[in-house]
């Protein structure tokens, strides 16, 4: 009996493992093609599911203002009162005491000392929005920013607040914002992932910040590591034609396996991951090759010719991936070992700010010059702010502060050159127009044409969504 053409009963027992073993055993292209032909009859009898392409482009619920998102995340807690939220009282009353009712998540009655910022604030652009000297380049593009000074989150610890900012859940792992966007909209370029994360180091909460959790695995973020080899094993090790045959063979075996075991939802994602990886072999190196960029463009991002790391590299990579149809790109800046978590001395903010200020402003400028800012939503945020006061009168640093902080949006359907919301006179609490993390997420989804109440996924007997049972769209900032 020809082992490549067994009776149908035995054919159905031919396992994926056996198929892969045979494919790896030196068949060559002709043997692979023959084996696939023998499986054709079986495959045609196995109906494909109608939802077997989780990355296919999908029609949004609403008219979308943005096609893609560049999500800039500064890990560690950037101080709002030293960057985007000027407080004259902190300068005039520095060293004086004030009553505080919550210290690092512990309610109580405290008397702490106000601490002035170490940098001055100046008005920028025609709108006159004040930004500190930590971010002079971002101050130069403030006419394109929608600055929110009334953000609030639910937790004072890094892990929980990082998880909340990325997944909407402060206690349990849930699908990330990028995964929800990929699930809701699919991708415009099948040769690149729909969700990419460019990060030299993991933030707090690690890879959970870009995981898909219970969503199909094809929606999780693909990690790109800045450096000479941004994606490992991206170069093909065999002729493309032979590799194509091998992938087709594996896909057919996988579909057989899936048809008999429909409860294995992760398998379909695995099938699609092979296809995406195959396309990435040419598309990803081209997208991350900056050799064709002009000297003027490299200068805009603060890059040297041939440089393959740094936040400028991350920002330019984001622009190029956006141009090529990647739906959601997250840029994570973890800075040094202590990132933006400046407990000991606020001067630690200075080198970190210098590292990201020009690249971020350059990204806004570049997108605008190329006509991409109108349908690209740029998001800048951190997990929480830092205290405007301290228990130690002579403290050089600031502590975690979840009660109020600042974030901004640009492009993609938001008003430009405006400030929304405010903290109180010391930057201790929301003064007006609070924007909770759930509201922030609802608004981002809305700009992409997704209704946060309708974007749901059935899991463990109930429908889940990014914003849980909360969230409202901040319509006042929409253009």
Protein backbone atom coordinates (compact mmCIF):
# COMPACT_ATOMS: atom_id res chain seq x y z
CA UNK A 1 0.00 0.00 0.00
CA UNK A 2 1.25 3.40 -0.89
CA UNK A 3 1.78 5.19 2.47
CA UNK A 4 0.99 8.49 0.79
CA UNK A 5 -2.44 7.31 -0.35
CA UNK A 6 -4.03 5.27 2.47
CA UNK A 7 -7.73 4.41 2.64
CA UNK A 8 -9.94 7.29 3.74
CA UNK A 9 -10.34 5.94 7.30
CA UNK A 10 -6.58 5.87 7.75
CA UNK A 11 -6.17 9.15 5.93
CA UNK A 12 -8.27 10.95 8.52
CA UNK A 13 -6.01 9.49 11.20
CA UNK A 14 -2.94 11.05 9.64
CA UNK A 15 -1.96 13.46 12.38
CA UNK A 16 -0.59 16.99 12.14
CA UNK A 17 2.55 15.77 13.88
CA UNK A 18 3.07 13.07 11.26
CA UNK A 19 2.50 15.58 8.46
CA UNK A 20 5.07 17.95 9.90
CA UNK A 21 7.52 15.09 10.46
CA UNK A 22 7.21 14.03 6.84
CA UNK A 23 7.51 17.59 5.57
CA UNK A 24 10.72 18.00 7.53
CA UNK A 25 12.18 14.70 6.33
CA UNK A 26 13.78 15.89 3.09
CA UNK A 27 10.90 15.38 0.66
CA UNK A 28 11.65 18.32 -1.58
CA UNK A 29 9.11 20.32 -3.55
CA UNK A 30 7.78 17.48 -5.70
CA UNK A 31 7.09 15.15 -2.78
CA UNK A 32 5.41 17.94 -0.85
CA UNK A 33 3.22 18.77 -3.82
CA UNK A 34 2.26 15.12 -4.19
CA UNK A 35 1.38 14.79 -0.55
CA UNK A 36 -0.82 17.87 -0.77
CA UNK A 37 -2.60 16.44 -3.80
CA UNK A 38 -3.36 13.25 -1.86
CA UNK A 39 -4.96 15.35 0.87
CA UNK A 40 -7.05 17.49 -1.48
CA UNK A 41 -10.12 15.23 -1.44
CA UNK A 42 -10.19 15.16 2.33
CA UNK A 43 -9.78 18.91 2.59
CA UNK A 44 -12.66 19.65 0.24
CA UNK A 45 -14.97 17.61 2.46
CA UNK A 46 -14.06 19.65 5.52
CA UNK A 47 -16.13 22.82 5.51
CA UNK A 48 -14.23 25.97 6.40
CA UNK A 49 -15.81 28.22 9.02
CA UNK A 50 -17.21 31.50 7.74
CA UNK A 51 -15.22 33.37 10.40
CA UNK A 52 -11.92 31.66 9.62
CA UNK A 53 -10.13 34.92 8.82
CA UNK A 54 -9.93 36.90 12.07
CA UNK A 55 -7.79 39.61 10.45
CA UNK A 56 -10.06 40.38 7.49
CA UNK A 57 -10.97 44.10 7.29
CA UNK A 58 -14.27 44.81 9.01
CA UNK A 59 -16.77 47.60 8.67
CA UNK A 60 -16.83 49.80 11.80
CA UNK A 61 -20.00 50.59 13.72
CA UNK A 62 -19.72 54.32 13.01
CA UNK A 63 -18.14 56.67 10.51
CA UNK A 64 -14.46 56.46 11.43
CA UNK A 65 -12.32 59.58 11.80
CA UNK A 66 -9.09 57.62 12.19
CA UNK A 67 -7.78 54.55 10.39
CA UNK A 68 -4.93 53.77 12.74
CA UNK A 69 -3.47 54.57 16.16
CA UNK A 70 0.05 55.35 17.31
CA UNK A 71 -0.07 54.86 21.08
CA UNK A 72 2.91 56.45 22.87
CA UNK A 73 3.32 55.12 26.39
CA UNK A 74 5.85 56.52 28.85
CA UNK A 75 6.28 53.92 31.57
CA UNK A 76 6.70 54.84 35.22
CA UNK A 77 4.43 57.82 35.86
CA UNK A 78 5.30 61.14 34.22
CA UNK A 79 4.75 64.12 36.53
CA UNK A 80 1.84 66.20 35.24
CA UNK A 81 2.81 69.24 37.34
CA UNK A 82 6.31 69.25 35.80
CA UNK A 83 5.21 68.84 32.19
CA UNK A 84 1.73 69.73 30.90
CA UNK A 85 -0.17 71.11 33.92
CA UNK A 86 1.24 74.44 35.23
CA UNK A 87 0.32 75.33 38.80
CA UNK A 88 1.37 78.85 39.91
CA UNK A 89 0.47 78.02 43.50
CA UNK A 90 3.14 75.34 43.62
CA UNK A 91 5.71 78.05 42.89
CA UNK A 92 4.28 80.66 45.27
CA UNK A 93 3.47 78.30 48.17
CA UNK A 94 6.30 75.81 47.87
CA UNK A 95 7.23 74.51 51.32
CA UNK A 96 3.85 75.36 52.84
CA UNK A 97 1.63 72.61 54.16
CA UNK A 98 -1.70 71.44 52.80
CA UNK A 99 -4.26 68.90 53.93
CA UNK A 100 -4.21 65.61 52.03
CA UNK A 101 -6.86 62.91 52.41
CA UNK A 102 -5.18 60.11 50.44
CA UNK A 103 -1.52 59.14 50.53
CA UNK A 104 -0.44 56.40 48.12
CA UNK A 105 -3.89 54.85 48.14
CA UNK A 106 -4.30 55.09 51.93
CA UNK A 107 -7.16 57.38 53.04
CA UNK A 108 -6.49 59.55 56.07
CA UNK A 109 -5.81 63.05 57.34
CA UNK A 110 -2.33 64.17 56.37
CA UNK A 111 -0.38 67.42 56.37
CA UNK A 112 2.18 67.49 53.58
CA UNK A 113 4.47 70.06 51.99
CA UNK A 114 3.83 71.56 48.57
CA UNK A 115 6.75 71.09 46.17
CA UNK A 116 7.38 73.42 43.27
CA UNK A 117 8.31 72.16 39.79
CA UNK A 118 11.96 72.28 38.76
CA UNK A 119 11.13 73.61 35.30
CA UNK A 120 9.37 76.75 34.12
CA UNK A 121 6.31 76.77 31.91
CA UNK A 122 5.90 78.82 28.73
CA UNK A 123 3.07 79.33 26.26
CA UNK A 124 3.42 77.60 22.91
CA UNK A 125 1.92 78.02 19.45
CA UNK A 126 -0.97 80.25 18.53
CA UNK A 127 -3.24 78.54 21.07
CA UNK A 128 -0.96 79.60 23.92
CA UNK A 129 -1.12 76.30 25.81
CA UNK A 130 1.59 76.21 28.47
CA UNK A 131 4.10 73.37 28.46
CA UNK A 132 7.21 73.11 30.65
CA UNK A 133 10.79 73.45 29.50
CA UNK A 134 11.13 69.67 29.78
CA UNK A 135 9.31 69.39 26.45
CA UNK A 136 10.29 72.39 24.27
CA UNK A 137 9.76 70.49 21.02
CA UNK A 138 6.31 69.25 22.00
CA UNK A 139 5.50 72.83 23.03
CA UNK A 140 6.34 73.74 19.44
CA UNK A 141 3.57 71.47 18.07
CA UNK A 142 1.00 72.25 20.77
CA UNK A 143 -1.35 73.72 18.14
CA UNK A 144 -1.89 70.15 16.95
CA UNK A 145 -2.53 68.67 20.40
CA UNK A 146 -5.71 68.08 22.36
CA UNK A 147 -4.38 68.19 25.91
CA UNK A 148 -6.38 66.52 28.68
CA UNK A 149 -5.48 67.76 32.17
CA UNK A 150 -8.19 65.85 34.05
CA UNK A 151 -7.25 62.19 33.62
CA UNK A 152 -7.93 59.82 36.50
CA UNK A 153 -7.09 56.18 37.10
CA UNK A 154 -8.06 53.69 39.81
CA UNK A 155 -4.82 52.47 41.32
CA UNK A 156 -1.65 53.92 42.79
CA UNK A 157 0.63 50.97 41.94
CA UNK A 158 2.51 50.69 38.65
CA UNK A 159 1.41 47.17 37.78
CA UNK A 160 -2.31 47.72 38.27
CA UNK A 161 -2.39 51.16 36.63
CA UNK A 162 -0.32 49.97 33.67
CA UNK A 163 -2.69 47.05 33.26
CA UNK A 164 -5.68 49.38 33.53
CA UNK A 165 -4.36 51.84 30.96
CA UNK A 166 -3.75 49.02 28.49
CA UNK A 167 -6.64 46.63 29.13
CA UNK A 168 -9.30 48.54 31.06
CA UNK A 169 -8.91 46.02 33.89
CA UNK A 170 -6.92 46.95 36.99
CA UNK A 171 -6.88 43.54 38.62
CA UNK A 172 -7.09 40.78 36.02
CA UNK A 173 -5.45 40.15 32.68
CA UNK A 174 -7.75 41.11 29.84
CA UNK A 175 -7.27 41.80 26.09
CA UNK A 176 -5.25 44.95 25.43
CA UNK A 177 -6.53 48.04 23.67
CA UNK A 178 -4.52 47.17 20.55
CA UNK A 179 -5.95 43.65 20.50
CA UNK A 180 -9.50 45.02 20.75
CA UNK A 181 -8.81 47.39 17.85
CA UNK A 182 -7.41 44.54 15.76
CA UNK A 183 -10.43 42.37 16.63
CA UNK A 184 -12.86 45.17 15.78
CA UNK A 185 -11.32 46.35 12.51
CA UNK A 186 -8.98 43.68 11.16
CA UNK A 187 -5.96 44.70 9.11
CA UNK A 188 -5.36 46.57 5.87
CA UNK A 189 -2.09 44.75 5.12
CA UNK A 190 -1.99 40.96 5.42
CA UNK A 191 1.80 40.94 5.11
CA UNK A 192 2.21 42.82 8.39
CA UNK A 193 0.64 42.31 11.82
CA UNK A 194 -2.40 44.41 12.65
CA UNK A 195 -0.91 45.28 16.07
CA UNK A 196 2.76 46.05 16.63
CA UNK A 197 4.59 47.01 19.82
CA UNK A 198 8.01 48.67 19.57
CA UNK A 199 9.74 48.54 22.94
CA UNK A 200 13.36 48.12 24.06
CA UNK A 201 12.21 46.91 27.49
CA UNK A 202 9.04 45.52 29.01
CA UNK A 203 6.86 47.96 30.95
CA UNK A 204 5.20 47.13 34.24
CA UNK A 205 2.75 44.23 33.70
CA UNK A 206 5.07 42.89 30.99
CA UNK A 207 3.63 41.31 27.87
CA UNK A 208 0.11 41.46 29.30
CA UNK A 209 0.09 45.05 28.04
CA UNK A 210 -0.14 43.77 24.46
CA UNK A 211 -1.72 40.34 24.96
CA UNK A 212 -4.97 39.19 23.36
CA UNK A 213 -6.05 37.08 26.38
CA UNK A 214 -9.39 35.46 25.42
CA UNK A 215 -9.55 37.13 21.99
CA UNK A 216 -8.14 35.06 19.09
CA UNK A 217 -4.36 34.92 19.35
CA UNK A 218 -3.91 36.60 15.96
CA UNK A 219 -4.87 39.91 17.61
CA UNK A 220 -2.03 40.02 20.12
CA UNK A 221 0.76 42.53 19.60
CA UNK A 222 3.91 41.59 17.68
CA UNK A 223 6.95 42.79 19.62
CA UNK A 224 9.65 44.64 17.68
CA UNK A 225 12.90 45.19 19.54
CA UNK A 226 14.88 48.26 18.38
CA UNK A 227 18.37 47.28 17.29
CA UNK A 228 20.21 45.75 14.33
CA UNK A 229 17.80 42.77 14.29
CA UNK A 230 14.33 44.16 15.21
CA UNK A 231 12.55 40.85 14.49
CA UNK A 232 14.31 37.55 15.04
CA UNK A 233 14.32 34.88 12.31
CA UNK A 234 12.65 37.14 9.75
CA UNK A 235 14.96 36.11 6.88
CA UNK A 236 13.83 32.96 4.99
CA UNK A 237 16.10 29.96 5.33
CA UNK A 238 14.74 28.13 2.29
CA UNK A 239 13.60 28.96 -1.21
CA UNK A 240 10.34 30.90 -1.13
CA UNK A 241 8.61 28.44 -3.45
CA UNK A 242 9.45 25.46 -1.24
CA UNK A 243 8.51 27.38 1.89
CA UNK A 244 5.16 28.25 0.31
CA UNK A 245 4.46 24.58 -0.36
CA UNK A 246 5.41 23.66 3.21
CA UNK A 247 3.11 26.32 4.65
CA UNK A 248 0.22 25.20 2.45
CA UNK A 249 0.75 21.65 3.64
CA UNK A 250 0.81 22.68 7.31
CA UNK A 251 -2.29 24.83 6.82
CA UNK A 252 -4.23 21.93 5.29
CA UNK A 253 -3.22 19.60 8.10
CA UNK A 254 -4.16 22.25 10.65
CA UNK A 255 -7.57 22.76 9.05
CA UNK A 256 -8.22 19.02 9.16
CA UNK A 257 -7.29 19.04 12.81
CA UNK A 258 -9.49 22.07 13.48
CA UNK A 259 -12.52 20.61 11.70
CA UNK A 260 -12.46 17.63 14.05
CA UNK A 261 -11.85 19.82 17.11
CA UNK A 262 -13.79 23.09 16.64
CA UNK A 263 -13.34 23.98 20.30
CA UNK A 264 -9.62 24.67 19.73
CA UNK A 265 -10.04 28.35 18.91
CA UNK A 266 -6.32 29.04 19.19
CA UNK A 267 -5.54 26.84 16.20
CA UNK A 268 -7.10 29.22 13.66
CA UNK A 269 -4.91 32.00 15.03
CA UNK A 270 -1.89 29.70 14.67
CA UNK A 271 -2.78 29.06 11.01
CA UNK A 272 -3.01 32.79 10.34
CA UNK A 273 0.21 33.47 12.23
CA UNK A 274 2.08 31.25 9.74
CA UNK A 275 0.61 33.27 6.86
CA UNK A 276 1.47 36.61 8.44
CA UNK A 277 4.99 35.43 9.22
CA UNK A 278 5.45 34.36 5.59
CA UNK A 279 4.40 37.79 4.32
CA UNK A 280 6.51 39.57 6.92
CA UNK A 281 9.70 38.08 5.50
CA UNK A 282 9.70 40.74 2.79
CA UNK A 283 7.31 43.37 4.17
CA UNK A 284 8.83 43.83 7.63
CA UNK A 285 12.48 44.33 6.59
CA UNK A 286 11.34 46.84 3.97
CA UNK A 287 9.19 48.74 6.49
CA UNK A 288 12.08 48.95 8.95
CA UNK A 289 14.71 49.91 6.38
CA UNK A 290 15.30 53.66 6.71
CA UNK A 291 18.02 53.88 4.04
CA UNK A 292 15.65 55.62 1.65
CA UNK A 293 14.62 58.33 4.13
CA UNK A 294 15.94 61.81 3.42
CA UNK A 295 18.49 63.57 5.61
CA UNK A 296 15.81 66.13 6.47
CA UNK A 297 13.45 63.43 7.73
CA UNK A 298 16.14 61.76 9.84
CA UNK A 299 17.03 65.15 11.32
CA UNK A 300 13.38 65.77 12.17
CA UNK A 301 13.43 62.69 14.40
CA UNK A 302 16.92 63.38 15.76
CA UNK A 303 18.36 60.32 14.02
CA UNK A 304 21.79 59.63 12.54
CA UNK A 305 22.05 57.77 9.24
CA UNK A 306 22.22 54.04 10.03
CA UNK A 307 20.95 54.38 13.60
CA UNK A 308 18.80 51.40 14.63
CA UNK A 309 17.79 52.26 18.19
CA UNK A 310 16.52 55.12 20.32
CA UNK A 311 13.08 56.65 20.58
CA UNK A 312 13.56 58.52 17.30
CA UNK A 313 13.94 55.15 15.58
CA UNK A 314 10.74 53.93 17.25
CA UNK A 315 8.80 57.00 16.09
CA UNK A 316 10.01 56.83 12.50
CA UNK A 317 9.23 53.10 12.42
CA UNK A 318 5.71 53.94 13.60
CA UNK A 319 5.18 56.39 10.76
CA UNK A 320 6.38 53.85 8.19
CA UNK A 321 4.20 51.08 9.63
CA UNK A 322 1.19 53.40 9.65
CA UNK A 323 1.78 54.18 5.98
CA UNK A 324 1.77 50.45 5.28
CA UNK A 325 -1.60 49.77 6.90
CA UNK A 326 -0.68 48.55 10.38
CA UNK A 327 -3.75 49.29 12.48
CA UNK A 328 -2.31 49.85 15.97
CA UNK A 329 1.30 50.68 16.85
CA UNK A 330 2.41 51.13 20.44
CA UNK A 331 5.69 52.83 21.29
CA UNK A 332 6.88 52.15 24.82
CA UNK A 333 9.55 54.27 26.47
CA UNK A 334 10.88 52.62 29.60
CA UNK A 335 13.84 54.98 29.86
CA UNK A 336 16.42 53.67 32.29
CA UNK A 337 16.11 50.92 34.85
CA UNK A 338 13.88 53.21 36.92
CA UNK A 339 12.06 54.64 33.88
CA UNK A 340 9.95 57.73 34.67
CA UNK A 341 9.44 56.64 38.29
CA UNK A 342 11.27 59.59 39.84
CA UNK A 343 10.93 58.97 43.57
CA UNK A 344 14.45 60.00 44.45
CA UNK A 345 14.98 63.11 42.34
CA UNK A 346 12.82 64.81 39.72
CA UNK A 347 15.99 65.66 37.80
CA UNK A 348 15.74 62.09 36.51
CA UNK A 349 12.94 63.37 34.26
CA UNK A 350 15.36 65.61 32.35
CA UNK A 351 17.39 63.04 30.33
CA UNK A 352 14.27 60.95 29.77
CA UNK A 353 12.41 63.96 28.38
CA UNK A 354 15.32 64.88 26.12
CA UNK A 355 15.26 61.37 24.70
CA UNK A 356 11.60 61.50 23.61
CA UNK A 357 10.75 65.18 23.11
CA UNK A 358 12.16 65.81 19.63
CA UNK A 359 11.14 62.39 18.20
CA UNK A 360 7.51 62.80 19.31
CA UNK A 361 7.30 66.34 17.95
CA UNK A 362 9.02 65.14 14.78
CA UNK A 363 6.44 62.37 14.40
CA UNK A 364 3.55 64.87 14.66
CA UNK A 365 5.25 67.17 12.15
CA UNK A 366 6.08 64.36 9.73
CA UNK A 367 2.57 62.89 9.80
CA UNK A 368 1.12 66.35 9.21
CA UNK A 369 3.45 67.12 6.30
CA UNK A 370 2.56 63.82 4.61
CA UNK A 371 -1.19 64.27 5.07
CA UNK A 372 -1.35 61.33 7.47
CA UNK A 373 -2.30 63.13 10.67
CA UNK A 374 -5.93 63.57 9.63
CA UNK A 375 -6.61 59.83 9.77
CA UNK A 376 -3.93 58.75 12.25
CA UNK A 377 -4.73 59.15 15.94
CA UNK A 378 -1.63 59.80 18.05
CA UNK A 379 -2.07 59.09 21.77
CA UNK A 380 0.40 60.16 24.48
CA UNK A 381 -0.04 58.85 28.02
CA UNK A 382 1.48 57.32 31.13
CA UNK A 383 -0.07 55.24 33.93
CA UNK A 384 -0.54 58.07 36.45
CA UNK A 385 0.97 61.38 37.54
CA UNK A 386 3.14 62.36 40.50
CA UNK A 387 2.31 64.08 43.76
CA UNK A 388 2.44 67.90 43.92
CA UNK A 389 3.34 67.54 47.60
CA UNK A 390 5.52 65.33 49.81
CA UNK A 391 5.68 64.19 53.41
CA UNK A 392 9.32 65.31 53.48
CA UNK A 393 9.77 69.07 53.09
CA UNK A 394 13.19 68.59 51.47
CA UNK A 395 12.28 65.69 49.20
CA UNK A 396 13.74 65.92 45.70
CA UNK A 397 11.37 63.40 44.14
CA UNK A 398 7.63 62.88 43.88
CA UNK A 399 5.44 59.87 44.65
CA UNK A 400 2.73 58.08 42.65
CA UNK A 401 -0.45 60.06 42.06
CA UNK A 402 -3.49 58.37 40.52
CA UNK A 403 -6.06 61.06 41.41
CA UNK A 404 -5.26 63.29 38.41
CA UNK A 405 -2.70 63.44 35.59
CA UNK A 406 -2.31 64.58 31.97
CA UNK A 407 -2.49 62.89 28.56
CA UNK A 408 -2.97 64.16 25.03
CA UNK A 409 -4.36 63.16 21.64
CA UNK A 410 -3.52 64.49 18.18
CA UNK A 411 -4.97 64.06 14.69
CA UNK A 412 -7.59 61.46 13.82
CA UNK A 413 -10.72 63.52 14.49
CA UNK A 414 -9.87 65.44 17.68
CA UNK A 415 -9.87 69.21 18.07
CA UNK A 416 -6.44 70.79 17.84
CA UNK A 417 -4.83 73.38 20.06
CA UNK A 418 -7.25 72.91 22.94
CA UNK A 419 -7.10 71.98 26.63
CA UNK A 420 -9.90 69.85 28.05
CA UNK A 421 -10.54 69.47 31.75
CA UNK A 422 -8.49 70.81 34.63
CA UNK A 423 -6.95 69.77 37.91
CA UNK A 424 -7.46 71.84 41.04
CA UNK A 425 -5.15 74.72 41.99
CA UNK A 426 -2.38 72.45 43.28
CA UNK A 427 -2.76 69.60 40.76
CA UNK A 428 -3.95 67.28 43.52
CA UNK A 429 -7.39 66.29 42.19
CA UNK A 430 -9.64 66.69 39.17
CA UNK A 431 -11.12 70.19 39.15
CA UNK A 432 -13.49 69.84 36.21
CA UNK A 433 -14.45 67.48 33.37
CA UNK A 434 -12.95 64.27 34.68
CA UNK A 435 -11.72 61.77 32.10
CA UNK A 436 -11.40 58.29 33.54
CA UNK A 437 -9.30 55.67 31.77
CA UNK A 438 -12.55 54.02 30.62
CA UNK A 439 -13.66 57.32 29.04
CA UNK A 440 -10.25 57.63 27.38
CA UNK A 441 -10.62 54.17 25.84
CA UNK A 442 -14.22 54.77 24.77
CA UNK A 443 -13.14 57.94 22.96
CA UNK A 444 -10.23 56.26 21.18
CA UNK A 445 -12.52 53.47 19.96
CA UNK A 446 -15.14 56.01 18.87
CA UNK A 447 -12.61 57.86 16.70
CA UNK A 448 -11.86 54.55 14.99
CA UNK A 449 -15.57 54.02 14.33
CA UNK A 450 -16.05 51.47 17.11
CA UNK A 451 -18.87 51.73 19.64
CA UNK A 452 -17.30 50.67 22.94
CA UNK A 453 -20.63 49.22 24.13
CA UNK A 454 -21.04 47.09 21.00
CA UNK A 455 -17.45 45.90 20.66
CA UNK A 456 -17.89 42.72 22.71
CA UNK A 457 -16.60 39.17 22.82
CA UNK A 458 -18.38 36.19 24.36
CA UNK A 459 -16.17 34.47 26.93
CA UNK A 460 -16.86 32.32 30.01
CA UNK A 461 -20.59 32.73 29.63
CA UNK A 462 -20.84 36.49 29.26
CA UNK A 463 -19.98 39.34 26.93
CA UNK A 464 -16.79 41.23 27.70
CA UNK A 465 -15.71 44.64 26.41
CA UNK A 466 -12.69 46.90 26.83
CA UNK A 467 -14.55 49.41 29.00
CA UNK A 468 -16.33 46.75 31.11
CA UNK A 469 -19.61 48.43 32.19
CA UNK A 470 -18.19 51.94 32.22
CA UNK A 471 -16.97 54.64 29.88
CA UNK A 472 -18.36 57.57 27.95
CA UNK A 473 -17.15 59.21 24.75
CA UNK A 474 -15.71 62.69 25.44
CA UNK A 475 -17.64 64.37 22.65
CA UNK A 476 -16.40 67.85 23.58
CA UNK A 477 -12.97 67.09 22.15
CA UNK A 478 -14.19 65.70 18.80
CA UNK A 479 -13.70 67.92 15.77
